[in-house]
Amino acid sequence: MNDEMESKTYQPIPAPRTGEGNAWILTFLVFLIWFFMRISGQAIPWSVTLFLIFLVIAAALISLNNWVERRTTIQIDSQGIRFKNGLRKVSLNWDAIDNVWVKPAVWGNRVRVSGRGGQFDFHTLGEVKYKGVVKAQTGFAEGEELIRLIVLNSGLSIAEDLGNTLSYTRKN
């Protein structure tokens, strides 16, 4: 580990907000149908009400996910690593990190860093493609660099290579 390591902060590439906008537009349109049925005195099928509730919850969860993602940072320095987003904070000194787990996900790799004091997950760079053309990127562009820095600075080594899943742990 480098005692003179400069502090560096990483942020993920935010996912496009078009999905969030579409979810809220659809929710609003179904609400208008529900509302006009209600004020016109028509009987509202329970399926319309249930669908509206589902859309409100889905749109709210998409918005929450986007909000959290835009507040996510990972900071690395000579002391350790700090992860924070809109909901939680985790600080781990290098010697407190016990495990790093890397598994392929739909877009990029899912990485879990755990140790004495907590755990957090992040995704490496993923590309959303349509007909072979990249339409969007998401996750940490420097995700592979982050994995390398965490593993090297915390003194971990490969414990298991399960084909497409890697597990790094501390050798005692």
C-alpha atoms as a PDB file:
ATOM      1  CA  MET A   1       0.000   0.000   0.000  1.00  0.00           C
ATOM      2  CA  ASN A   2       1.226   3.455  -0.871  1.00  0.00           C
ATOM      3  CA  ASP A   3       1.276   5.787   2.161  1.00  0.00           C
ATOM      4  CA  GLU A   4       1.507   8.740  -0.217  1.00  0.00           C
ATOM      5  CA  MET A   5      -1.576   7.688  -2.190  1.00  0.00           C
ATOM      6  CA  GLU A   6      -3.558  10.657  -3.370  1.00  0.00           C
ATOM      7  CA  SER A   7      -7.210  10.774  -2.447  1.00  0.00           C
ATOM      8  CA  LYS A   8      -9.392  10.093  -5.463  1.00  0.00           C
ATOM      9  CA  THR A   9     -13.177  10.149  -5.743  1.00  0.00           C
ATOM     10  CA  TYR A  10     -15.092   8.046  -8.245  1.00  0.00           C
ATOM     11  CA  GLN A  11     -18.683   8.498  -9.388  1.00  0.00           C
ATOM     12  CA  PRO A  12     -20.828   6.249 -11.569  1.00  0.00           C
ATOM     13  CA  ILE A  13     -22.082   7.281 -14.964  1.00  0.00           C
ATOM     14  CA  PRO A  14     -25.737   8.034 -14.285  1.00  0.00           C
ATOM     15  CA  ALA A  15     -28.266   5.959 -16.174  1.00  0.00           C
ATOM     16  CA  PRO A  16     -30.452   7.885 -18.620  1.00  0.00           C
ATOM     17  CA  ARG A  17     -33.591   9.268 -17.024  1.00  0.00           C
ATOM     18  CA  THR A  18     -35.871   8.421 -19.946  1.00  0.00           C
ATOM     19  CA  GLY A  19     -37.153   5.297 -18.184  1.00  0.00           C
ATOM     20  CA  GLU A  20     -38.068   7.342 -15.133  1.00  0.00           C
ATOM     21  CA  GLY A  21     -39.848   9.934 -17.261  1.00  0.00           C
ATOM     22  CA  ASN A  22     -41.740   7.261 -19.182  1.00  0.00           C
ATOM     23  CA  ALA A  23     -42.811   5.593 -15.930  1.00  0.00           C
ATOM     24  CA  TRP A  24     -44.216   8.850 -14.555  1.00  0.00           C
ATOM     25  CA  ILE A  25     -45.960   9.720 -17.840  1.00  0.00           C
ATOM     26  CA  LEU A  26     -47.642   6.307 -17.959  1.00  0.00           C
ATOM     27  CA  THR A  27     -48.607   6.663 -14.285  1.00  0.00           C
ATOM     28  CA  PHE A  28     -50.134  10.078 -14.968  1.00  0.00           C
ATOM     29  CA  LEU A  29     -52.100   8.787 -17.972  1.00  0.00           C
ATOM     30  CA  VAL A  30     -53.535   5.857 -16.005  1.00  0.00           C
ATOM     31  CA  PHE A  31     -54.344   8.269 -13.143  1.00  0.00           C
ATOM     32  CA  LEU A  32     -56.263  10.485 -15.598  1.00  0.00           C
ATOM     33  CA  ILE A  33     -58.276   7.473 -16.783  1.00  0.00           C
ATOM     34  CA  TRP A  34     -58.976   6.477 -13.182  1.00  0.00           C
ATOM     35  CA  PHE A  35     -59.874  10.082 -12.236  1.00  0.00           C
ATOM     36  CA  PHE A  36     -62.264  10.657 -15.162  1.00  0.00           C
ATOM     37  CA  MET A  37     -63.950   7.309 -14.534  1.00  0.00           C
ATOM     38  CA  ARG A  38     -64.403   8.329 -10.895  1.00  0.00           C
ATOM     39  CA  ILE A  39     -65.855  11.806 -11.522  1.00  0.00           C
ATOM     40  CA  SER A  40     -68.154  10.492 -14.260  1.00  0.00           C
ATOM     41  CA  GLY A  41     -69.642   8.041 -11.768  1.00  0.00           C
ATOM     42  CA  GLN A  42     -68.515   4.926 -13.635  1.00  0.00           C
ATOM     43  CA  ALA A  43     -67.610   1.842 -11.699  1.00  0.00           C
ATOM     44  CA  ILE A  44     -63.841   1.558 -11.608  1.00  0.00           C
ATOM     45  CA  PRO A  45     -62.592  -1.987 -12.101  1.00  0.00           C
ATOM     46  CA  TRP A  46     -60.290  -3.088  -9.293  1.00  0.00           C
ATOM     47  CA  SER A  47     -57.686  -3.972 -11.948  1.00  0.00           C
ATOM     48  CA  VAL A  48     -57.389  -0.292 -12.972  1.00  0.00           C
ATOM     49  CA  THR A  49     -56.863   0.773  -9.354  1.00  0.00           C
ATOM     50  CA  LEU A  50     -54.374  -2.050  -8.796  1.00  0.00           C
ATOM     51  CA  PHE A  51     -52.498  -1.145 -11.988  1.00  0.00           C
ATOM     52  CA  LEU A  52     -52.356   2.510 -10.904  1.00  0.00           C
ATOM     53  CA  ILE A  53     -50.947   1.546  -7.494  1.00  0.00           C
ATOM     54  CA  PHE A  54     -48.370  -0.690  -9.185  1.00  0.00           C
ATOM     55  CA  LEU A  55     -47.316   2.134 -11.530  1.00  0.00           C
ATOM     56  CA  VAL A  56     -46.978   4.655  -8.684  1.00  0.00           C
ATOM     57  CA  ILE A  57     -44.774   2.249  -6.722  1.00  0.00           C
ATOM     58  CA  ALA A  58     -42.673   1.346  -9.797  1.00  0.00           C
ATOM     59  CA  ALA A  59     -42.159   4.980 -10.816  1.00  0.00           C
ATOM     60  CA  ALA A  60     -41.257   5.943  -7.233  1.00  0.00           C
ATOM     61  CA  LEU A  61     -38.703   3.114  -7.004  1.00  0.00           C
ATOM     62  CA  ILE A  62     -37.141   4.107 -10.335  1.00  0.00           C
ATOM     63  CA  SER A  63     -36.895   7.704  -9.101  1.00  0.00           C
ATOM     64  CA  LEU A  64     -35.376   6.582  -5.794  1.00  0.00           C
ATOM     65  CA  ASN A  65     -32.811   4.437  -7.616  1.00  0.00           C
ATOM     66  CA  ASN A  66     -31.827   7.355  -9.867  1.00  0.00           C
ATOM     67  CA  TRP A  67     -31.585   9.685  -6.875  1.00  0.00           C
ATOM     68  CA  VAL A  68     -29.342   7.244  -4.984  1.00  0.00           C
ATOM     69  CA  GLU A  69     -27.173   6.602  -8.040  1.00  0.00           C
ATOM     70  CA  ARG A  70     -26.568  10.314  -8.602  1.00  0.00           C
ATOM     71  CA  ARG A  71     -25.359  10.675  -4.999  1.00  0.00           C
ATOM     72  CA  THR A  72     -23.060   7.647  -5.047  1.00  0.00           C
ATOM     73  CA  THR A  73     -19.343   8.189  -4.591  1.00  0.00           C
ATOM     74  CA  ILE A  74     -16.409   5.964  -3.760  1.00  0.00           C
ATOM     75  CA  GLN A  75     -13.365   7.695  -2.313  1.00  0.00           C
ATOM     76  CA  ILE A  76     -10.007   5.955  -2.014  1.00  0.00           C
ATOM     77  CA  ASP A  77      -6.964   7.221  -0.151  1.00  0.00           C
ATOM     78  CA  SER A  78      -3.987   5.826   1.764  1.00  0.00           C
ATOM     79  CA  GLN A  79      -6.201   5.008   4.788  1.00  0.00           C
ATOM     80  CA  GLY A  80      -8.935   3.078   3.036  1.00  0.00           C
ATOM     81  CA  ILE A  81     -12.150   3.390   1.103  1.00  0.00           C
ATOM     82  CA  ARG A  82     -15.345   5.331   1.710  1.00  0.00           C
ATOM     83  CA  PHE A  83     -18.625   4.583  -0.030  1.00  0.00           C
ATOM     84  CA  LYS A  84     -21.636   6.836   0.240  1.00  0.00           C
ATOM     85  CA  ASN A  85     -24.894   7.360  -1.532  1.00  0.00           C
ATOM     86  CA  GLY A  86     -28.106   9.077  -0.575  1.00  0.00           C
ATOM     87  CA  LEU A  87     -29.030   6.338   1.899  1.00  0.00           C
ATOM     88  CA  ARG A  88     -25.873   5.030   3.550  1.00  0.00           C
ATOM     89  CA  LYS A  89     -22.184   5.490   4.269  1.00  0.00           C
ATOM     90  CA  VAL A  90     -19.543   2.798   4.705  1.00  0.00           C
ATOM     91  CA  SER A  91     -15.911   3.453   5.610  1.00  0.00           C
ATOM     92  CA  LEU A  92     -13.385   0.630   5.607  1.00  0.00           C
ATOM     93  CA  ASN A  93      -9.692   0.844   6.343  1.00  0.00           C
ATOM     94  CA  TRP A  94      -7.584  -1.313   4.050  1.00  0.00           C
ATOM     95  CA  ASP A  95      -6.862  -3.852   6.778  1.00  0.00           C
ATOM     96  CA  ALA A  96     -10.599  -4.138   7.581  1.00  0.00           C
ATOM     97  CA  ILE A  97     -11.551  -5.353   4.098  1.00  0.00           C
ATOM     98  CA  ASP A  98     -12.005  -9.131   4.193  1.00  0.00           C
ATOM     99  CA  ASN A  99     -13.617  -9.946   0.868  1.00  0.00           C
ATOM    100  CA  VAL A 100     -14.194  -8.622  -2.627  1.00  0.00           C
ATOM    101  CA  TRP A 101     -16.635 -10.537  -4.791  1.00  0.00           C
ATOM    102  CA  VAL A 102     -16.967  -9.896  -8.549  1.00  0.00           C
ATOM    103  CA  LYS A 103     -19.813 -11.411 -10.549  1.00  0.00           C
ATOM    104  CA  PRO A 104     -21.089 -10.630 -14.055  1.00  0.00           C
ATOM    105  CA  ALA A 105     -24.352  -8.712 -14.189  1.00  0.00           C
ATOM    106  CA  VAL A 106     -26.625  -7.642 -17.034  1.00  0.00           C
ATOM    107  CA  TRP A 107     -24.515  -4.517 -17.575  1.00  0.00           C
ATOM    108  CA  GLY A 108     -20.944  -4.680 -16.255  1.00  0.00           C
ATOM    109  CA  ASN A 109     -19.866  -6.616 -13.185  1.00  0.00           C
ATOM    110  CA  ARG A 110     -21.457  -6.472  -9.754  1.00  0.00           C
ATOM    111  CA  VAL A 111     -18.810  -5.951  -7.074  1.00  0.00           C
ATOM    112  CA  ARG A 112     -19.336  -6.469  -3.344  1.00  0.00           C
ATOM    113  CA  VAL A 113     -16.738  -5.161  -0.897  1.00  0.00           C
ATOM    114  CA  SER A 114     -17.168  -6.415   2.659  1.00  0.00           C
ATOM    115  CA  GLY A 115     -15.251  -6.293   5.867  1.00  0.00           C
ATOM    116  CA  ARG A 116     -15.331  -5.411   9.519  1.00  0.00           C
ATOM    117  CA  GLY A 117     -17.502  -2.319   9.576  1.00  0.00           C
ATOM    118  CA  GLY A 118     -19.853  -3.015   6.710  1.00  0.00           C
ATOM    119  CA  GLN A 119     -20.215  -3.789   3.057  1.00  0.00           C
ATOM    120  CA  PHE A 120     -21.267  -2.076  -0.132  1.00  0.00           C
ATOM    121  CA  ASP A 121     -21.923  -2.955  -3.762  1.00  0.00           C
ATOM    122  CA  PHE A 122     -21.152  -1.180  -6.995  1.00  0.00           C
ATOM    123  CA  HIS A 123     -21.235  -1.961 -10.714  1.00  0.00           C
ATOM    124  CA  THR A 124     -18.410  -1.635 -13.199  1.00  0.00           C
ATOM    125  CA  LEU A 125     -19.050   0.011 -16.547  1.00  0.00           C
ATOM    126  CA  GLY A 126     -21.944  -1.498 -18.440  1.00  0.00           C
ATOM    127  CA  GLU A 127     -23.146  -0.636 -21.901  1.00  0.00           C
ATOM    128  CA  VAL A 128     -26.754  -0.744 -23.028  1.00  0.00           C
ATOM    129  CA  LYS A 129     -26.764  -1.798 -26.663  1.00  0.00           C
ATOM    130  CA  TYR A 130     -29.505  -1.899 -29.244  1.00  0.00           C
ATOM    131  CA  LYS A 131     -28.781  -3.624 -32.551  1.00  0.00           C
ATOM    132  CA  GLY A 132     -25.081  -3.537 -31.723  1.00  0.00           C
ATOM    133  CA  VAL A 133     -25.016   0.216 -31.095  1.00  0.00           C
ATOM    134  CA  VAL A 134     -24.235   1.566 -27.607  1.00  0.00           C
ATOM    135  CA  LYS A 135     -27.252   3.598 -26.496  1.00  0.00           C
ATOM    136  CA  ALA A 136     -26.209   4.271 -22.900  1.00  0.00           C
ATOM    137  CA  GLN A 137     -23.575   3.541 -20.304  1.00  0.00           C
ATOM    138  CA  THR A 138     -24.036   2.949 -16.610  1.00  0.00           C
ATOM    139  CA  GLY A 139     -21.916   2.034 -13.591  1.00  0.00           C
ATOM    140  CA  PHE A 140     -18.384   3.125 -12.706  1.00  0.00           C
ATOM    141  CA  ALA A 141     -16.289   3.775 -15.827  1.00  0.00           C
ATOM    142  CA  GLU A 142     -13.179   3.154 -13.693  1.00  0.00           C
ATOM    143  CA  GLY A 143     -14.735   0.041 -12.116  1.00  0.00           C
ATOM    144  CA  GLU A 144     -11.912  -2.324 -13.093  1.00  0.00           C
ATOM    145  CA  GLU A 145      -9.375   0.157 -11.698  1.00  0.00           C
ATOM    146  CA  LEU A 146     -11.398   0.325  -8.470  1.00  0.00           C
ATOM    147  CA  ILE A 147     -11.361  -3.471  -8.125  1.00  0.00           C
ATOM    148  CA  ARG A 148      -7.601  -3.568  -8.707  1.00  0.00           C
ATOM    149  CA  LEU A 149      -6.918  -0.788  -6.172  1.00  0.00           C
ATOM    150  CA  ILE A 150      -9.135  -2.362  -3.514  1.00  0.00           C
ATOM    151  CA  VAL A 151      -7.629  -5.833  -3.920  1.00  0.00           C
ATOM    152  CA  LEU A 152      -4.012  -4.588  -3.984  1.00  0.00           C
ATOM    153  CA  ASN A 153      -4.285  -2.070  -1.143  1.00  0.00           C
ATOM    154  CA  SER A 154      -6.173  -4.420   1.152  1.00  0.00           C
ATOM    155  CA  GLY A 155      -3.765  -7.304   0.549  1.00  0.00           C
ATOM    156  CA  LEU A 156      -6.344  -9.699  -0.831  1.00  0.00           C
ATOM    157  CA  SER A 157      -5.730 -12.554  -3.249  1.00  0.00           C
ATOM    158  CA  ILE A 158      -7.958 -14.789  -5.344  1.00  0.00           C
ATOM    159  CA  ALA A 159      -9.674 -17.348  -3.147  1.00  0.00           C
ATOM    160  CA  GLU A 160     -12.033 -18.819  -5.720  1.00  0.00           C
ATOM    161  CA  ASP A 161     -12.432 -18.615  -9.452  1.00  0.00           C
ATOM    162  CA  LEU A 162     -15.862 -20.039 -10.178  1.00  0.00           C
ATOM    163  CA  GLY A 163     -15.785 -19.534 -13.917  1.00  0.00           C
ATOM    164  CA  ASN A 164     -17.284 -16.094 -14.269  1.00  0.00           C
ATOM    165  CA  THR A 165     -17.323 -15.222 -10.540  1.00  0.00           C
ATOM    166  CA  LEU A 166     -14.202 -14.200  -8.621  1.00  0.00           C
ATOM    167  CA  SER A 167     -13.791 -14.046  -4.871  1.00  0.00           C
ATOM    168  CA  TYR A 168     -10.812 -12.278  -3.299  1.00  0.00           C
ATOM    169  CA  THR A 169     -10.069 -12.828   0.397  1.00  0.00           C
ATOM    170  CA  ARG A 170      -7.355 -12.108   2.916  1.00  0.00           C
ATOM    171  CA  LYS A 171      -4.750 -14.791   3.446  1.00  0.00           C
ATOM    172  CA  ASN A 172      -4.005 -15.303   7.123  1.00  0.00           C
END
